[in-house]
């Protein structure tokens, strides 16, 4: 006897969890085990939702790292890219997630630790250009304020997509979908070291959020947040 609560697509769609979960996926959000109800719903409903989303031109991806997200099958569908600041912050947070110390801290790290890591890997001057490659160097105080604002904006954007949670007192809760940012170095012998070098070389530029494969760092397109 099957333990799956659904026996046909109609039952899946009639579940109260379907509308909010569907809207979140279509908006680009990653759903992991921290979203327990939605995640469990997707695990159970996957046999019915997979063919449904394919009819609309999407693949429902279940990552081995424990999260779901949608990928358009066609270039005719709207796509999202992350900005240079989003990508840089995302890769730095992925590096922090790979650190065994984050496990001991239950994946919660202070925002100040992120800033220290970025400054260590890039240096203050390179960080200014990394978060905004088109900006020309101006007043030092203004430049550093720009970095702070860009990183805060990136954190809010990454939180809206399910990569992190921003909690009280400037704390960040790191979530499993951050591992997407480590895909370019996943097959290397020391992924954390390789990711640190990747960030330090300033190669954390733009990520096509709507691709299942490793991200392409050569794009110069503007960010597109449309679902």
N, C-alpha and C. Protein backbone atom coordinates (compact mmCIF):
# COMPACT_ATOMS: atom_id res chain seq x y z
N UNK A 1 0.84 -1.20 0.00
CA UNK A 1 0.00 0.00 0.00
C UNK A 1 0.88 1.24 0.00
N UNK A 2 0.59 2.21 -0.89
CA UNK A 2 1.40 3.42 -1.01
C UNK A 2 1.11 4.37 0.15
N UNK A 3 2.15 5.02 0.66
CA UNK A 3 2.00 6.01 1.72
C UNK A 3 1.83 7.41 1.15
N UNK A 4 1.94 7.57 -0.18
CA UNK A 4 1.78 8.88 -0.79
C UNK A 4 0.34 9.36 -0.60
N UNK A 5 0.15 10.60 -0.11
CA UNK A 5 -1.21 11.08 0.15
C UNK A 5 -2.00 11.41 -1.11
N UNK A 6 -1.32 11.41 -2.27
CA UNK A 6 -2.00 11.78 -3.51
C UNK A 6 -2.09 10.57 -4.46
N UNK A 7 -3.21 10.49 -5.15
CA UNK A 7 -3.36 9.43 -6.14
C UNK A 7 -3.57 9.98 -7.54
N UNK A 8 -3.80 11.30 -7.65
CA UNK A 8 -3.95 11.93 -8.97
C UNK A 8 -3.65 13.42 -8.86
N UNK A 9 -3.45 14.06 -10.01
CA UNK A 9 -3.07 15.47 -10.06
C UNK A 9 -4.12 16.37 -9.43
N UNK A 10 -5.37 16.05 -9.59
CA UNK A 10 -6.44 16.89 -9.03
C UNK A 10 -6.28 17.05 -7.53
N UNK A 11 -5.91 15.99 -6.84
CA UNK A 11 -5.72 16.06 -5.39
C UNK A 11 -4.54 16.96 -5.03
N UNK A 12 -3.49 16.93 -5.86
CA UNK A 12 -2.33 17.79 -5.63
C UNK A 12 -2.73 19.25 -5.73
N UNK A 13 -3.45 19.60 -6.79
CA UNK A 13 -3.82 20.99 -7.04
C UNK A 13 -4.80 21.51 -6.00
N UNK A 14 -5.65 20.63 -5.48
CA UNK A 14 -6.62 21.03 -4.47
C UNK A 14 -6.02 21.19 -3.08
N UNK A 15 -4.79 20.72 -2.89
CA UNK A 15 -4.13 20.87 -1.59
C UNK A 15 -3.88 22.36 -1.33
N UNK A 16 -4.13 22.82 -0.12
CA UNK A 16 -3.93 24.23 0.22
C UNK A 16 -2.48 24.67 0.06
N UNK A 17 -1.55 23.72 0.08
CA UNK A 17 -0.13 24.07 -0.07
C UNK A 17 0.26 24.34 -1.52
N UNK A 18 -0.57 23.91 -2.47
CA UNK A 18 -0.19 24.07 -3.87
C UNK A 18 -0.07 25.52 -4.30
N UNK A 19 -1.07 26.40 -4.06
CA UNK A 19 -0.95 27.77 -4.58
C UNK A 19 0.29 28.53 -4.07
N UNK A 20 0.56 28.58 -2.74
CA UNK A 20 1.74 29.34 -2.31
C UNK A 20 3.05 28.71 -2.76
N UNK A 21 3.10 27.39 -2.80
CA UNK A 21 4.32 26.72 -3.24
C UNK A 21 4.57 26.95 -4.72
N UNK A 22 3.52 26.86 -5.52
CA UNK A 22 3.62 27.09 -6.95
C UNK A 22 4.07 28.52 -7.24
N UNK A 23 3.46 29.49 -6.57
CA UNK A 23 3.83 30.89 -6.78
C UNK A 23 5.27 31.16 -6.38
N UNK A 24 5.71 30.55 -5.28
CA UNK A 24 7.10 30.73 -4.83
C UNK A 24 8.08 30.18 -5.86
N UNK A 25 7.81 29.00 -6.38
CA UNK A 25 8.68 28.40 -7.38
C UNK A 25 8.74 29.25 -8.65
N UNK A 26 7.59 29.72 -9.10
CA UNK A 26 7.53 30.52 -10.32
C UNK A 26 8.23 31.87 -10.15
N UNK A 27 8.32 32.35 -8.91
CA UNK A 27 9.02 33.60 -8.62
C UNK A 27 10.52 33.40 -8.47
N UNK A 28 10.98 32.16 -8.61
CA UNK A 28 12.42 31.89 -8.54
C UNK A 28 12.92 31.44 -7.19
N UNK A 29 12.02 31.20 -6.26
CA UNK A 29 12.45 30.81 -4.92
C UNK A 29 12.89 29.34 -4.89
N UNK A 30 13.89 29.07 -4.08
CA UNK A 30 14.35 27.71 -3.82
C UNK A 30 13.66 27.24 -2.54
N UNK A 31 13.14 26.04 -2.56
CA UNK A 31 12.40 25.49 -1.42
C UNK A 31 13.18 24.32 -0.85
N UNK A 32 13.64 24.48 0.38
CA UNK A 32 14.44 23.42 1.01
C UNK A 32 13.74 22.91 2.25
N UNK A 33 14.44 22.12 3.04
CA UNK A 33 13.82 21.47 4.19
C UNK A 33 13.52 22.43 5.33
N UNK A 34 14.06 23.66 5.26
CA UNK A 34 13.64 24.67 6.23
C UNK A 34 12.21 25.11 5.98
N UNK A 35 11.76 24.99 4.70
CA UNK A 35 10.34 25.22 4.37
C UNK A 35 9.64 23.86 4.47
N UNK A 36 9.51 23.35 5.66
CA UNK A 36 9.18 21.93 5.84
C UNK A 36 7.89 21.52 5.15
N UNK A 37 6.82 22.28 5.35
CA UNK A 37 5.54 21.90 4.77
C UNK A 37 5.60 21.89 3.23
N UNK A 38 6.15 22.98 2.66
CA UNK A 38 6.23 23.07 1.20
C UNK A 38 7.17 22.01 0.65
N UNK A 39 8.27 21.76 1.33
CA UNK A 39 9.24 20.76 0.87
C UNK A 39 8.61 19.36 0.88
N UNK A 40 7.94 19.02 1.96
CA UNK A 40 7.28 17.71 2.06
C UNK A 40 6.21 17.57 0.98
N UNK A 41 5.47 18.67 0.76
CA UNK A 41 4.46 18.65 -0.29
C UNK A 41 5.08 18.35 -1.64
N UNK A 42 6.20 19.00 -1.96
CA UNK A 42 6.85 18.78 -3.25
C UNK A 42 7.40 17.36 -3.39
N UNK A 43 7.93 16.82 -2.31
CA UNK A 43 8.42 15.43 -2.35
C UNK A 43 7.28 14.49 -2.71
N UNK A 44 6.13 14.66 -2.05
CA UNK A 44 4.99 13.78 -2.30
C UNK A 44 4.35 14.02 -3.66
N UNK A 45 4.32 15.30 -4.08
CA UNK A 45 3.59 15.67 -5.31
C UNK A 45 4.46 15.61 -6.55
N UNK A 46 5.74 15.34 -6.42
CA UNK A 46 6.66 15.39 -7.55
C UNK A 46 6.21 14.54 -8.75
N UNK A 47 5.71 13.31 -8.57
CA UNK A 47 5.30 12.52 -9.74
C UNK A 47 4.21 13.18 -10.57
N UNK A 48 3.39 14.03 -9.94
CA UNK A 48 2.31 14.71 -10.67
C UNK A 48 2.74 16.11 -11.13
N UNK A 49 3.55 16.79 -10.33
CA UNK A 49 3.95 18.15 -10.68
C UNK A 49 5.00 18.18 -11.78
N UNK A 50 5.85 17.17 -11.83
CA UNK A 50 6.90 17.15 -12.86
C UNK A 50 6.30 17.22 -14.27
N UNK A 51 5.35 16.36 -14.63
CA UNK A 51 4.76 16.47 -15.97
C UNK A 51 3.92 17.73 -16.14
N UNK A 52 3.33 18.22 -15.06
CA UNK A 52 2.53 19.45 -15.16
C UNK A 52 3.41 20.65 -15.54
N UNK A 53 4.53 20.81 -14.84
CA UNK A 53 5.42 21.93 -15.13
C UNK A 53 6.06 21.79 -16.51
N UNK A 54 6.30 20.57 -16.95
CA UNK A 54 6.86 20.37 -18.28
C UNK A 54 5.91 20.90 -19.36
N UNK A 55 4.62 20.76 -19.12
CA UNK A 55 3.64 21.28 -20.09
C UNK A 55 3.70 22.80 -20.18
N UNK A 56 4.13 23.45 -19.10
CA UNK A 56 4.26 24.90 -19.08
C UNK A 56 5.68 25.35 -19.47
N UNK A 57 6.55 24.39 -19.80
CA UNK A 57 7.89 24.74 -20.25
C UNK A 57 8.93 24.86 -19.14
N UNK A 58 8.69 24.20 -18.01
CA UNK A 58 9.64 24.25 -16.90
C UNK A 58 10.06 22.83 -16.49
N UNK A 59 11.25 22.72 -15.95
CA UNK A 59 11.69 21.50 -15.27
C UNK A 59 11.67 21.77 -13.77
N UNK A 60 11.04 20.90 -13.01
CA UNK A 60 11.07 20.98 -11.55
C UNK A 60 12.26 20.16 -11.09
N UNK A 61 13.29 20.85 -10.62
CA UNK A 61 14.55 20.20 -10.23
C UNK A 61 14.55 19.90 -8.74
N UNK A 62 14.88 18.65 -8.42
CA UNK A 62 15.11 18.27 -7.02
C UNK A 62 16.61 18.03 -6.85
N UNK A 63 17.27 18.95 -6.19
CA UNK A 63 18.72 18.86 -6.02
C UNK A 63 19.10 17.77 -5.02
N UNK A 64 20.19 17.06 -5.25
CA UNK A 64 20.68 16.10 -4.26
C UNK A 64 21.02 16.76 -2.92
N UNK A 65 21.23 18.08 -2.94
CA UNK A 65 21.55 18.80 -1.71
C UNK A 65 20.32 19.12 -0.88
N UNK A 66 19.11 18.76 -1.40
CA UNK A 66 17.92 18.89 -0.58
C UNK A 66 17.10 20.14 -0.80
N UNK A 67 16.86 20.52 -2.04
CA UNK A 67 15.98 21.65 -2.32
C UNK A 67 15.41 21.52 -3.73
N UNK A 68 14.31 22.24 -3.97
CA UNK A 68 13.64 22.26 -5.26
C UNK A 68 13.73 23.64 -5.88
N UNK A 69 13.74 23.70 -7.23
CA UNK A 69 13.62 24.96 -7.95
C UNK A 69 13.18 24.68 -9.37
N UNK A 70 12.66 25.70 -10.04
CA UNK A 70 12.20 25.57 -11.42
C UNK A 70 13.24 26.09 -12.39
N UNK A 71 13.37 25.42 -13.53
CA UNK A 71 14.27 25.83 -14.60
C UNK A 71 13.48 25.89 -15.91
N UNK A 72 13.48 27.03 -16.62
CA UNK A 72 12.80 27.10 -17.91
C UNK A 72 13.47 26.18 -18.93
N UNK A 73 12.67 25.51 -19.74
CA UNK A 73 13.21 24.64 -20.78
C UNK A 73 13.53 25.41 -22.05
N UNK A 74 12.98 26.61 -22.21
CA UNK A 74 13.11 27.35 -23.45
C UNK A 74 13.60 28.76 -23.19
N UNK A 75 14.37 29.30 -24.14
CA UNK A 75 14.81 30.69 -24.05
C UNK A 75 13.67 31.67 -24.24
N UNK A 76 12.52 31.16 -24.69
CA UNK A 76 11.36 32.02 -24.89
C UNK A 76 10.71 32.42 -23.58
N UNK A 77 11.02 31.68 -22.50
CA UNK A 77 10.46 31.99 -21.19
C UNK A 77 11.34 33.01 -20.48
N UNK A 78 10.75 33.85 -19.62
CA UNK A 78 11.54 34.85 -18.88
C UNK A 78 12.62 34.17 -18.05
N UNK A 79 13.78 34.81 -17.95
CA UNK A 79 14.89 34.27 -17.19
C UNK A 79 15.37 35.33 -16.21
N UNK A 80 16.04 34.87 -15.16
CA UNK A 80 16.60 35.78 -14.16
C UNK A 80 18.11 35.63 -14.12
N UNK A 81 18.80 36.72 -13.94
CA UNK A 81 20.23 36.65 -13.65
C UNK A 81 20.49 37.39 -12.35
N UNK A 82 21.52 36.97 -11.65
CA UNK A 82 21.94 37.68 -10.45
C UNK A 82 22.98 38.73 -10.82
N UNK A 83 22.95 39.84 -10.13
CA UNK A 83 23.92 40.91 -10.37
C UNK A 83 25.31 40.48 -9.86
N UNK A 84 26.30 41.29 -10.17
CA UNK A 84 27.66 41.02 -9.70
C UNK A 84 27.71 40.95 -8.19
N UNK A 85 27.01 41.87 -7.51
CA UNK A 85 27.00 41.87 -6.05
C UNK A 85 26.29 40.64 -5.50
N UNK A 86 25.15 40.28 -6.11
CA UNK A 86 24.43 39.07 -5.69
C UNK A 86 25.33 37.84 -5.79
N UNK A 87 26.01 37.73 -6.92
CA UNK A 87 26.84 36.56 -7.17
C UNK A 87 28.02 36.51 -6.21
N UNK A 88 28.65 37.65 -6.00
CA UNK A 88 29.80 37.70 -5.11
C UNK A 88 29.40 37.32 -3.68
N UNK A 89 28.31 37.92 -3.20
CA UNK A 89 27.84 37.62 -1.85
C UNK A 89 27.40 36.17 -1.76
N UNK A 90 26.71 35.68 -2.77
CA UNK A 90 26.27 34.29 -2.76
C UNK A 90 27.43 33.31 -2.69
N UNK A 91 28.48 33.57 -3.47
CA UNK A 91 29.63 32.66 -3.43
C UNK A 91 30.35 32.74 -2.10
N UNK A 92 30.45 33.94 -1.53
CA UNK A 92 31.09 34.07 -0.23
C UNK A 92 30.29 33.33 0.84
N UNK A 93 28.97 33.42 0.78
CA UNK A 93 28.13 32.71 1.74
C UNK A 93 28.21 31.20 1.54
N UNK A 94 28.32 30.76 0.28
CA UNK A 94 28.51 29.33 0.02
C UNK A 94 29.81 28.84 0.63
N UNK A 95 30.85 29.66 0.52
CA UNK A 95 32.14 29.31 1.13
C UNK A 95 32.00 29.19 2.64
N UNK A 96 31.22 30.08 3.24
CA UNK A 96 30.99 30.00 4.67
C UNK A 96 30.18 28.76 5.03
N UNK A 97 29.24 28.38 4.17
CA UNK A 97 28.45 27.18 4.42
C UNK A 97 29.31 25.92 4.37
N UNK A 98 30.33 25.93 3.52
CA UNK A 98 31.24 24.78 3.41
C UNK A 98 32.19 24.68 4.60
N UNK A 99 32.28 25.74 5.38
CA UNK A 99 33.17 25.76 6.55
C UNK A 99 32.54 24.92 7.66
N UNK A 100 33.26 23.93 8.20
CA UNK A 100 32.70 23.10 9.29
C UNK A 100 32.23 23.93 10.48
N UNK A 101 32.80 25.12 10.66
CA UNK A 101 32.39 25.96 11.79
C UNK A 101 30.93 26.39 11.67
N UNK A 102 30.44 26.51 10.44
CA UNK A 102 29.05 26.92 10.27
C UNK A 102 28.09 25.84 10.75
N UNK A 103 28.51 24.58 10.64
CA UNK A 103 27.69 23.48 11.15
C UNK A 103 27.56 23.57 12.66
N UNK A 104 28.67 23.88 13.32
CA UNK A 104 28.65 24.01 14.77
C UNK A 104 27.75 25.16 15.21
N UNK A 105 27.65 26.18 14.34
CA UNK A 105 26.82 27.35 14.66
C UNK A 105 25.41 27.21 14.10
N UNK A 106 25.02 26.00 13.68
CA UNK A 106 23.71 25.72 13.11
C UNK A 106 23.45 26.57 11.88
N UNK A 107 24.51 26.89 11.15
CA UNK A 107 24.37 27.63 9.91
C UNK A 107 24.07 29.10 10.08
N UNK A 108 24.18 29.63 11.29
CA UNK A 108 23.92 31.04 11.55
C UNK A 108 25.24 31.77 11.73
N UNK A 109 25.45 32.81 10.92
CA UNK A 109 26.71 33.56 10.97
C UNK A 109 26.40 35.05 11.04
N UNK A 110 27.28 35.85 11.66
CA UNK A 110 27.06 37.29 11.70
C UNK A 110 27.37 37.94 10.36
N UNK A 111 26.63 38.98 10.03
CA UNK A 111 26.88 39.72 8.80
C UNK A 111 28.31 40.24 8.76
N UNK A 112 28.83 40.64 9.93
CA UNK A 112 30.20 41.17 9.99
C UNK A 112 31.21 40.15 9.50
N UNK A 113 30.94 38.86 9.74
CA UNK A 113 31.86 37.81 9.28
C UNK A 113 31.89 37.74 7.76
N UNK A 114 30.75 37.97 7.13
CA UNK A 114 30.70 38.02 5.67
C UNK A 114 31.56 39.16 5.15
N UNK A 115 31.44 40.33 5.76
CA UNK A 115 32.22 41.49 5.33
C UNK A 115 33.72 41.22 5.50
N UNK A 116 34.09 40.60 6.61
CA UNK A 116 35.50 40.29 6.85
C UNK A 116 36.04 39.33 5.80
N UNK A 117 35.22 38.35 5.43
CA UNK A 117 35.65 37.37 4.43
C UNK A 117 35.85 38.02 3.06
N UNK A 118 34.91 38.87 2.65
CA UNK A 118 35.02 39.55 1.37
C UNK A 118 36.25 40.46 1.34
N UNK A 119 36.47 41.17 2.42
CA UNK A 119 37.63 42.06 2.50
C UNK A 119 38.94 41.26 2.46
N UNK A 120 38.93 40.10 3.10
CA UNK A 120 40.13 39.25 3.12
C UNK A 120 40.43 38.69 1.73
N UNK A 121 39.41 38.25 1.02
CA UNK A 121 39.61 37.61 -0.27
C UNK A 121 39.89 38.60 -1.39
N UNK A 122 39.28 39.78 -1.30
CA UNK A 122 39.38 40.74 -2.40
C UNK A 122 40.20 41.98 -2.07
N UNK A 123 40.20 42.36 -0.82
CA UNK A 123 40.79 43.65 -0.47
C UNK A 123 39.75 44.75 -0.66
N UNK A 124 39.88 45.83 0.11
CA UNK A 124 38.87 46.88 0.12
C UNK A 124 38.68 47.51 -1.26
N UNK A 125 39.78 47.80 -1.95
CA UNK A 125 39.66 48.47 -3.26
C UNK A 125 39.00 47.55 -4.29
N UNK A 126 39.44 46.31 -4.38
CA UNK A 126 38.87 45.39 -5.35
C UNK A 126 37.40 45.09 -5.05
N UNK A 127 37.03 45.11 -3.77
CA UNK A 127 35.65 44.85 -3.39
C UNK A 127 34.73 45.92 -3.95
N UNK A 128 35.19 47.16 -3.97
CA UNK A 128 34.38 48.26 -4.50
C UNK A 128 34.02 48.01 -5.95
N UNK A 129 34.99 47.59 -6.74
CA UNK A 129 34.74 47.34 -8.16
C UNK A 129 34.01 46.03 -8.38
N UNK A 130 34.19 45.07 -7.48
CA UNK A 130 33.55 43.77 -7.65
C UNK A 130 32.03 43.87 -7.51
N UNK A 131 31.55 44.72 -6.59
CA UNK A 131 30.11 44.84 -6.39
C UNK A 131 29.46 45.75 -7.42
N UNK A 132 30.27 46.59 -8.06
CA UNK A 132 29.74 47.48 -9.10
C UNK A 132 30.83 47.71 -10.14
N UNK A 133 30.98 46.75 -11.10
CA UNK A 133 32.09 46.82 -12.06
C UNK A 133 32.11 48.07 -12.92
N UNK A 134 30.97 48.72 -13.10
CA UNK A 134 30.91 49.88 -13.98
C UNK A 134 31.21 51.20 -13.27
N UNK A 135 31.36 51.16 -11.96
CA UNK A 135 31.56 52.38 -11.20
C UNK A 135 33.01 52.84 -11.26
N UNK A 136 33.23 54.14 -11.41
CA UNK A 136 34.56 54.72 -11.35
C UNK A 136 34.86 55.14 -9.92
N UNK A 137 36.12 55.02 -9.54
CA UNK A 137 36.53 55.31 -8.16
C UNK A 137 36.31 56.78 -7.84
N UNK A 138 35.65 57.03 -6.69
CA UNK A 138 35.38 58.39 -6.26
C UNK A 138 35.89 58.59 -4.84
N UNK A 139 35.12 59.27 -4.03
CA UNK A 139 35.48 59.50 -2.64
C UNK A 139 35.46 58.18 -1.86
N UNK A 140 36.47 57.95 -1.06
CA UNK A 140 36.61 56.67 -0.36
C UNK A 140 35.41 56.39 0.56
N UNK A 141 34.95 57.40 1.28
CA UNK A 141 33.82 57.21 2.17
C UNK A 141 32.56 56.86 1.39
N UNK A 142 32.36 57.55 0.26
CA UNK A 142 31.19 57.27 -0.58
C UNK A 142 31.27 55.87 -1.16
N UNK A 143 32.48 55.47 -1.59
CA UNK A 143 32.66 54.14 -2.16
C UNK A 143 32.34 53.05 -1.15
N UNK A 144 32.79 53.19 0.06
CA UNK A 144 32.54 52.17 1.07
C UNK A 144 31.07 52.13 1.48
N UNK A 145 30.40 53.27 1.46
CA UNK A 145 28.97 53.29 1.73
C UNK A 145 28.22 52.57 0.61
N UNK A 146 28.70 52.75 -0.62
CA UNK A 146 28.10 52.05 -1.75
C UNK A 146 28.23 50.53 -1.58
N UNK A 147 29.40 50.08 -1.16
CA UNK A 147 29.62 48.65 -0.93
C UNK A 147 28.63 48.13 0.10
N UNK A 148 28.47 48.87 1.19
CA UNK A 148 27.54 48.44 2.24
C UNK A 148 26.12 48.32 1.69
N UNK A 149 25.69 49.31 0.93
CA UNK A 149 24.33 49.30 0.38
C UNK A 149 24.15 48.16 -0.62
N UNK A 150 25.15 47.93 -1.46
CA UNK A 150 25.05 46.86 -2.47
C UNK A 150 24.99 45.50 -1.80
N UNK A 151 25.76 45.31 -0.75
CA UNK A 151 25.75 44.03 -0.05
C UNK A 151 24.43 43.82 0.69
N UNK A 152 23.91 44.88 1.30
CA UNK A 152 22.60 44.78 1.95
C UNK A 152 21.51 44.43 0.93
N UNK A 153 21.56 45.08 -0.25
CA UNK A 153 20.58 44.79 -1.29
C UNK A 153 20.70 43.34 -1.75
N UNK A 154 21.96 42.88 -1.92
CA UNK A 154 22.19 41.51 -2.34
C UNK A 154 21.65 40.52 -1.32
N UNK A 155 21.84 40.80 -0.05
CA UNK A 155 21.35 39.91 0.99
C UNK A 155 19.83 39.82 0.97
N UNK A 156 19.16 40.96 0.76
CA UNK A 156 17.70 40.94 0.69
C UNK A 156 17.23 40.13 -0.51
N UNK A 157 17.91 40.31 -1.65
CA UNK A 157 17.53 39.58 -2.86
C UNK A 157 17.75 38.08 -2.68
N UNK A 158 18.89 37.69 -2.13
CA UNK A 158 19.18 36.28 -1.92
C UNK A 158 18.19 35.66 -0.92
N UNK A 159 17.77 36.45 0.07
CA UNK A 159 16.78 35.95 1.03
C UNK A 159 15.44 35.71 0.34
N UNK A 160 15.06 36.59 -0.58
CA UNK A 160 13.78 36.43 -1.28
C UNK A 160 13.77 35.20 -2.17
N UNK A 161 14.95 34.74 -2.58
CA UNK A 161 15.06 33.57 -3.44
C UNK A 161 15.33 32.28 -2.65
N UNK A 162 15.33 32.37 -1.32
CA UNK A 162 15.46 31.18 -0.50
C UNK A 162 16.88 30.71 -0.25
N UNK A 163 17.89 31.55 -0.55
CA UNK A 163 19.27 31.16 -0.31
C UNK A 163 19.68 31.35 1.15
N UNK A 164 19.12 32.35 1.80
CA UNK A 164 19.46 32.65 3.20
C UNK A 164 18.21 33.15 3.91
N UNK A 165 18.30 33.25 5.23
CA UNK A 165 17.34 33.98 6.04
C UNK A 165 18.11 35.09 6.76
N UNK A 166 17.56 36.28 6.75
CA UNK A 166 18.14 37.37 7.52
C UNK A 166 17.41 37.42 8.85
N UNK A 167 18.12 37.13 9.93
CA UNK A 167 17.50 37.06 11.25
C UNK A 167 17.94 38.26 12.08
N UNK A 168 17.53 38.29 13.32
CA UNK A 168 17.76 39.47 14.16
C UNK A 168 19.23 39.69 14.46
N UNK A 169 19.53 40.95 14.79
CA UNK A 169 20.88 41.36 15.20
C UNK A 169 21.92 41.13 14.11
N UNK A 170 21.51 41.27 12.84
CA UNK A 170 22.48 41.16 11.76
C UNK A 170 22.99 39.76 11.51
N UNK A 171 22.26 38.76 11.98
CA UNK A 171 22.66 37.37 11.78
C UNK A 171 22.08 36.84 10.47
N UNK A 172 22.82 35.96 9.82
CA UNK A 172 22.38 35.35 8.57
C UNK A 172 22.30 33.84 8.76
N UNK A 173 21.17 33.26 8.39
CA UNK A 173 21.04 31.80 8.43
C UNK A 173 21.30 31.26 7.02
N UNK A 174 22.34 30.45 6.89
CA UNK A 174 22.74 29.91 5.60
C UNK A 174 21.89 28.69 5.27
N UNK A 175 21.40 28.62 4.02
CA UNK A 175 20.51 27.54 3.63
C UNK A 175 21.15 26.72 2.50
N UNK A 176 20.67 25.49 2.37
CA UNK A 176 21.25 24.53 1.42
C UNK A 176 21.34 25.03 -0.02
N UNK A 177 20.37 25.81 -0.53
CA UNK A 177 20.47 26.27 -1.92
C UNK A 177 21.71 27.09 -2.22
N UNK A 178 22.39 27.63 -1.20
CA UNK A 178 23.64 28.35 -1.44
C UNK A 178 24.66 27.49 -2.17
N UNK A 179 24.53 26.18 -2.04
CA UNK A 179 25.50 25.29 -2.69
C UNK A 179 25.45 25.40 -4.21
N UNK A 180 24.40 26.00 -4.76
CA UNK A 180 24.38 26.25 -6.21
C UNK A 180 25.54 27.15 -6.62
N UNK A 181 25.95 28.04 -5.72
CA UNK A 181 27.06 28.95 -6.02
C UNK A 181 28.40 28.24 -6.05
N UNK A 182 28.45 27.04 -5.49
CA UNK A 182 29.69 26.26 -5.47
C UNK A 182 29.78 25.30 -6.64
N UNK A 183 28.76 25.28 -7.52
CA UNK A 183 28.75 24.34 -8.64
C UNK A 183 30.00 24.41 -9.53
N UNK A 184 30.55 25.61 -9.81
CA UNK A 184 31.74 25.66 -10.69
C UNK A 184 32.95 24.90 -10.15
N UNK A 185 32.97 24.68 -8.82
CA UNK A 185 34.16 24.02 -8.23
C UNK A 185 33.78 22.72 -7.55
N UNK A 186 32.53 22.26 -7.73
CA UNK A 186 32.04 21.11 -6.99
C UNK A 186 32.86 19.85 -7.25
N UNK A 187 33.36 19.69 -8.48
CA UNK A 187 34.07 18.46 -8.83
C UNK A 187 35.57 18.52 -8.56
N UNK A 188 36.03 19.64 -8.02
CA UNK A 188 37.46 19.77 -7.73
C UNK A 188 37.79 19.15 -6.37
N UNK A 189 39.07 18.87 -6.16
CA UNK A 189 39.47 18.15 -4.96
C UNK A 189 39.22 18.91 -3.67
N UNK A 190 39.40 20.23 -3.69
CA UNK A 190 39.20 21.05 -2.50
C UNK A 190 38.27 22.20 -2.87
N UNK A 191 36.96 21.94 -2.91
CA UNK A 191 36.03 22.95 -3.41
C UNK A 191 36.06 24.27 -2.64
N UNK A 192 36.25 24.22 -1.33
CA UNK A 192 36.29 25.46 -0.55
C UNK A 192 37.47 26.32 -0.97
N UNK A 193 38.65 25.71 -1.08
CA UNK A 193 39.83 26.47 -1.50
C UNK A 193 39.66 27.01 -2.91
N UNK A 194 39.09 26.20 -3.79
CA UNK A 194 38.89 26.63 -5.18
C UNK A 194 37.88 27.76 -5.26
N UNK A 195 36.84 27.70 -4.44
CA UNK A 195 35.83 28.76 -4.43
C UNK A 195 36.44 30.06 -3.90
N UNK A 196 37.27 29.96 -2.89
CA UNK A 196 37.94 31.15 -2.36
C UNK A 196 38.82 31.80 -3.42
N UNK A 197 39.54 30.99 -4.20
CA UNK A 197 40.38 31.53 -5.26
C UNK A 197 39.53 32.15 -6.36
N UNK A 198 38.39 31.54 -6.66
CA UNK A 198 37.50 32.06 -7.68
C UNK A 198 37.00 33.45 -7.30
N UNK A 199 36.62 33.62 -6.04
CA UNK A 199 36.17 34.92 -5.56
C UNK A 199 37.31 35.92 -5.58
N UNK A 200 38.48 35.48 -5.13
CA UNK A 200 39.63 36.37 -5.06
C UNK A 200 40.09 36.87 -6.42
N UNK A 201 39.81 36.08 -7.48
CA UNK A 201 40.18 36.51 -8.83
C UNK A 201 39.13 37.44 -9.43
N UNK A 202 38.08 37.71 -8.66
CA UNK A 202 37.04 38.59 -9.15
C UNK A 202 36.17 37.96 -10.21
N UNK A 203 36.02 36.63 -10.20
CA UNK A 203 35.24 35.94 -11.21
C UNK A 203 33.81 35.68 -10.78
N UNK A 204 33.41 36.24 -9.64
CA UNK A 204 32.03 36.10 -9.18
C UNK A 204 31.20 37.20 -9.83
N UNK A 205 30.90 37.07 -11.11
CA UNK A 205 30.19 38.13 -11.83
C UNK A 205 28.71 37.83 -11.92
N UNK A 206 28.24 37.30 -13.04
CA UNK A 206 26.80 37.09 -13.20
C UNK A 206 26.46 35.61 -13.29
N UNK A 207 25.36 35.23 -12.67
CA UNK A 207 24.88 33.86 -12.69
C UNK A 207 23.51 33.82 -13.33
N UNK A 208 23.35 32.93 -14.30
CA UNK A 208 22.02 32.67 -14.86
C UNK A 208 21.30 31.78 -13.87
N UNK A 209 20.37 32.37 -13.14
CA UNK A 209 19.70 31.65 -12.06
C UNK A 209 18.82 30.53 -12.57
N UNK A 210 18.44 30.60 -13.84
CA UNK A 210 17.48 29.65 -14.39
C UNK A 210 18.15 28.55 -15.21
N UNK A 211 19.31 28.10 -14.79
CA UNK A 211 19.95 26.99 -15.47
C UNK A 211 20.35 25.95 -14.45
N UNK A 212 20.23 24.69 -14.83
CA UNK A 212 20.57 23.60 -13.92
C UNK A 212 22.06 23.33 -13.92
N UNK A 213 22.75 23.74 -14.99
CA UNK A 213 24.17 23.45 -15.12
C UNK A 213 25.00 24.44 -14.33
N UNK A 214 26.32 24.26 -14.36
CA UNK A 214 27.22 25.18 -13.68
C UNK A 214 27.07 26.56 -14.28
N UNK A 215 27.13 27.64 -13.45
CA UNK A 215 26.91 28.98 -13.96
C UNK A 215 28.00 29.44 -14.89
N UNK A 216 27.60 30.33 -15.80
CA UNK A 216 28.52 30.93 -16.77
C UNK A 216 28.90 32.30 -16.27
N UNK A 217 30.18 32.56 -16.10
CA UNK A 217 30.63 33.81 -15.51
C UNK A 217 31.01 34.84 -16.56
N UNK A 218 30.64 34.62 -17.81
CA UNK A 218 31.06 35.54 -18.85
C UNK A 218 29.98 36.53 -19.25
N UNK A 219 28.77 36.41 -18.69
CA UNK A 219 27.66 37.25 -19.12
C UNK A 219 27.79 38.66 -18.59
N UNK A 220 27.39 39.65 -19.40
CA UNK A 220 27.38 41.03 -18.99
C UNK A 220 25.97 41.61 -19.06
N UNK A 221 24.96 40.73 -19.09
CA UNK A 221 23.58 41.21 -19.18
C UNK A 221 23.17 41.91 -17.90
N UNK A 222 22.20 42.80 -18.06
CA UNK A 222 21.65 43.46 -16.89
C UNK A 222 20.78 42.48 -16.13
N UNK A 223 20.58 42.73 -14.82
CA UNK A 223 19.76 41.87 -13.99
C UNK A 223 18.31 41.95 -14.43
N UNK A 224 17.66 40.80 -14.45
CA UNK A 224 16.23 40.71 -14.81
C UNK A 224 15.52 39.95 -13.72
N UNK A 225 14.67 40.64 -12.96
CA UNK A 225 14.00 40.02 -11.82
C UNK A 225 12.59 39.59 -12.14
N UNK A 226 12.19 39.61 -13.39
CA UNK A 226 10.82 39.23 -13.69
C UNK A 226 10.66 37.72 -13.52
N UNK A 227 9.52 37.29 -12.94
CA UNK A 227 9.28 35.85 -12.76
C UNK A 227 9.03 35.17 -14.08
